[in-house]
Amino acid sequence: MPTTAMPSRSPSPELVARMQRLAEYIEAHAEESLPLARLAREAAMSPHHLQRTFVAVLGVSPKAYQSARRLAQ
């Protein structure tokens, strides 16, 4: 019996805006320790949901994004 993958849904415009604000927060605090739990509180969502949404919107994990920002500075 063949299996079919569920179509992926795009994040809502509100979630995209939240992730963009969180990316700005990460840039402003790039030199600080930013555990996922802290970022999740900042974004008002669970760590798991934040991780999945951030990757869906920005294409990288919050940790990878922070590392890239640190290297760019």
N, C-alpha and C. Protein backbone atom coordinates (compact mmCIF):
# COMPACT_ATOMS: atom_id res chain seq x y z
N MET A 1 0.84 -1.18 0.00
CA MET A 1 0.00 0.00 0.00
C MET A 1 0.89 1.24 0.00
N PRO A 2 0.82 2.07 -1.02
CA PRO A 2 1.69 3.24 -1.08
C PRO A 2 1.29 4.28 -0.04
N THR A 3 2.31 4.96 0.46
CA THR A 3 2.04 6.04 1.41
C THR A 3 2.25 7.36 0.71
N THR A 4 1.48 8.32 1.10
CA THR A 4 1.63 9.65 0.52
C THR A 4 2.01 10.61 1.62
N ALA A 5 2.92 11.48 1.32
CA ALA A 5 3.34 12.48 2.29
C ALA A 5 2.26 13.55 2.42
N MET A 6 2.10 14.01 3.62
CA MET A 6 1.16 15.11 3.85
C MET A 6 1.75 16.37 3.23
N PRO A 7 0.94 17.16 2.56
CA PRO A 7 1.49 18.39 2.01
C PRO A 7 1.89 19.33 3.15
N SER A 8 3.04 19.97 3.00
CA SER A 8 3.48 20.88 4.05
C SER A 8 2.74 22.20 3.91
N ARG A 9 2.38 22.75 5.03
CA ARG A 9 1.68 24.02 5.04
C ARG A 9 2.67 25.13 5.28
N SER A 10 2.47 26.23 4.63
CA SER A 10 3.32 27.39 4.86
C SER A 10 2.91 28.04 6.17
N PRO A 11 3.88 28.59 6.90
CA PRO A 11 3.53 29.30 8.13
C PRO A 11 2.65 30.51 7.82
N SER A 12 1.79 30.84 8.75
CA SER A 12 0.90 31.99 8.57
C SER A 12 1.71 33.28 8.53
N PRO A 13 1.17 34.33 7.94
CA PRO A 13 1.88 35.63 7.93
C PRO A 13 2.23 36.10 9.34
N GLU A 14 1.37 35.80 10.31
CA GLU A 14 1.64 36.22 11.69
C GLU A 14 2.86 35.48 12.24
N LEU A 15 2.98 34.18 11.94
CA LEU A 15 4.14 33.42 12.39
C LEU A 15 5.42 33.86 11.67
N VAL A 16 5.29 34.19 10.40
CA VAL A 16 6.45 34.69 9.65
C VAL A 16 6.94 35.99 10.29
N ALA A 17 6.01 36.88 10.63
CA ALA A 17 6.38 38.15 11.26
C ALA A 17 7.03 37.90 12.62
N ARG A 18 6.50 36.94 13.38
CA ARG A 18 7.10 36.61 14.68
C ARG A 18 8.52 36.11 14.53
N MET A 19 8.74 35.26 13.53
CA MET A 19 10.08 34.72 13.31
C MET A 19 11.05 35.81 12.84
N GLN A 20 10.55 36.74 12.05
CA GLN A 20 11.39 37.86 11.62
C GLN A 20 11.78 38.73 12.81
N ARG A 21 10.83 38.96 13.72
CA ARG A 21 11.14 39.73 14.93
C ARG A 21 12.14 38.96 15.80
N LEU A 22 11.97 37.65 15.87
CA LEU A 22 12.90 36.84 16.66
C LEU A 22 14.29 36.86 16.03
N ALA A 23 14.36 36.84 14.72
CA ALA A 23 15.66 36.93 14.05
C ALA A 23 16.34 38.26 14.40
N GLU A 24 15.58 39.33 14.44
CA GLU A 24 16.13 40.64 14.84
C GLU A 24 16.61 40.60 16.29
N TYR A 25 15.85 39.93 17.15
CA TYR A 25 16.24 39.76 18.55
C TYR A 25 17.55 39.00 18.64
N ILE A 26 17.68 37.93 17.87
CA ILE A 26 18.91 37.14 17.87
C ILE A 26 20.08 37.99 17.41
N GLU A 27 19.88 38.79 16.37
CA GLU A 27 20.95 39.66 15.89
C GLU A 27 21.37 40.66 16.95
N ALA A 28 20.41 41.23 17.67
CA ALA A 28 20.71 42.22 18.71
C ALA A 28 21.41 41.59 19.91
N HIS A 29 21.21 40.29 20.12
CA HIS A 29 21.78 39.60 21.28
C HIS A 29 22.71 38.46 20.86
N ALA A 30 23.31 38.57 19.69
CA ALA A 30 24.09 37.47 19.11
C ALA A 30 25.24 37.02 20.00
N GLU A 31 25.81 37.91 20.76
CA GLU A 31 26.97 37.55 21.59
C GLU A 31 26.56 36.93 22.92
N GLU A 32 25.27 36.92 23.23
CA GLU A 32 24.79 36.34 24.48
C GLU A 32 24.46 34.86 24.28
N SER A 33 24.35 34.17 25.40
CA SER A 33 23.86 32.80 25.36
C SER A 33 22.35 32.87 25.14
N LEU A 34 21.87 32.22 24.10
CA LEU A 34 20.45 32.25 23.77
C LEU A 34 19.91 30.82 23.67
N PRO A 35 19.66 30.20 24.81
CA PRO A 35 19.09 28.84 24.75
C PRO A 35 17.71 28.87 24.09
N LEU A 36 17.34 27.75 23.53
CA LEU A 36 16.06 27.65 22.84
C LEU A 36 14.90 28.03 23.75
N ALA A 37 14.97 27.67 25.02
CA ALA A 37 13.89 28.01 25.97
C ALA A 37 13.72 29.53 26.08
N ARG A 38 14.82 30.26 26.10
CA ARG A 38 14.75 31.73 26.17
C ARG A 38 14.13 32.30 24.90
N LEU A 39 14.55 31.78 23.76
CA LEU A 39 13.98 32.25 22.50
C LEU A 39 12.50 31.91 22.41
N ALA A 40 12.14 30.74 22.91
CA ALA A 40 10.73 30.33 22.90
C ALA A 40 9.89 31.27 23.75
N ARG A 41 10.41 31.66 24.91
CA ARG A 41 9.68 32.63 25.75
C ARG A 41 9.52 33.96 25.00
N GLU A 42 10.58 34.38 24.35
CA GLU A 42 10.55 35.65 23.60
C GLU A 42 9.51 35.59 22.48
N ALA A 43 9.38 34.43 21.84
CA ALA A 43 8.44 34.26 20.73
C ALA A 43 7.05 33.83 21.19
N ALA A 44 6.91 33.57 22.49
CA ALA A 44 5.63 33.13 23.07
C ALA A 44 5.12 31.84 22.41
N MET A 45 6.00 30.84 22.34
CA MET A 45 5.61 29.53 21.82
C MET A 45 6.49 28.47 22.44
N SER A 46 6.11 27.22 22.27
CA SER A 46 6.90 26.14 22.84
C SER A 46 8.24 26.02 22.08
N PRO A 47 9.27 25.50 22.75
CA PRO A 47 10.55 25.33 22.07
C PRO A 47 10.44 24.48 20.80
N HIS A 48 9.67 23.41 20.87
CA HIS A 48 9.52 22.53 19.70
C HIS A 48 8.87 23.26 18.54
N HIS A 49 7.80 23.97 18.82
CA HIS A 49 7.10 24.72 17.76
C HIS A 49 7.99 25.83 17.21
N LEU A 50 8.73 26.50 18.08
CA LEU A 50 9.64 27.55 17.64
C LEU A 50 10.68 26.97 16.68
N GLN A 51 11.29 25.85 17.07
CA GLN A 51 12.33 25.24 16.24
C GLN A 51 11.79 24.92 14.84
N ARG A 52 10.63 24.26 14.79
CA ARG A 52 10.05 23.88 13.49
C ARG A 52 9.67 25.10 12.67
N THR A 53 9.08 26.10 13.31
CA THR A 53 8.62 27.29 12.60
C THR A 53 9.80 28.12 12.11
N PHE A 54 10.82 28.28 12.94
CA PHE A 54 12.00 29.06 12.56
C PHE A 54 12.66 28.45 11.32
N VAL A 55 12.81 27.14 11.33
CA VAL A 55 13.41 26.45 10.18
C VAL A 55 12.52 26.60 8.95
N ALA A 56 11.21 26.50 9.12
CA ALA A 56 10.29 26.63 7.98
C ALA A 56 10.35 28.02 7.37
N VAL A 57 10.52 29.04 8.21
CA VAL A 57 10.52 30.43 7.72
C VAL A 57 11.89 30.85 7.23
N LEU A 58 12.94 30.55 8.00
CA LEU A 58 14.27 31.08 7.68
C LEU A 58 15.23 30.05 7.08
N GLY A 59 14.84 28.78 7.10
CA GLY A 59 15.65 27.76 6.46
C GLY A 59 16.80 27.21 7.28
N VAL A 60 17.00 27.75 8.48
CA VAL A 60 18.04 27.26 9.39
C VAL A 60 17.48 27.26 10.81
N SER A 61 18.14 26.54 11.69
CA SER A 61 17.72 26.52 13.09
C SER A 61 18.09 27.85 13.76
N PRO A 62 17.46 28.17 14.89
CA PRO A 62 17.84 29.39 15.60
C PRO A 62 19.33 29.39 15.98
N LYS A 63 19.86 28.24 16.39
CA LYS A 63 21.27 28.14 16.76
C LYS A 63 22.18 28.42 15.56
N ALA A 64 21.86 27.84 14.41
CA ALA A 64 22.66 28.09 13.20
C ALA A 64 22.57 29.56 12.79
N TYR A 65 21.38 30.14 12.94
CA TYR A 65 21.20 31.56 12.60
C TYR A 65 22.08 32.42 13.51
N GLN A 66 22.08 32.12 14.81
CA GLN A 66 22.89 32.89 15.75
C GLN A 66 24.38 32.73 15.41
N SER A 67 24.80 31.52 15.12
CA SER A 67 26.21 31.28 14.77
C SER A 67 26.61 32.08 13.54
N ALA A 68 25.75 32.11 12.55
CA ALA A 68 26.03 32.87 11.32
C ALA A 68 26.12 34.36 11.62
N ARG A 69 25.25 34.85 12.50
CA ARG A 69 25.28 36.29 12.86
C ARG A 69 26.57 36.61 13.60
N ARG A 70 27.01 35.70 14.48
CA ARG A 70 28.26 35.93 15.20
C ARG A 70 29.44 36.00 14.24
N LEU A 71 29.46 35.10 13.26
CA LEU A 71 30.56 35.09 12.30
C LEU A 71 30.54 36.32 11.41
N ALA A 72 29.36 36.84 11.13
CA ALA A 72 29.23 38.02 10.26
C ALA A 72 29.69 39.30 10.94
N GLN A 73 29.72 39.29 12.27
CA GLN A 73 30.10 40.52 12.99
C GLN A 73 31.59 40.72 13.05
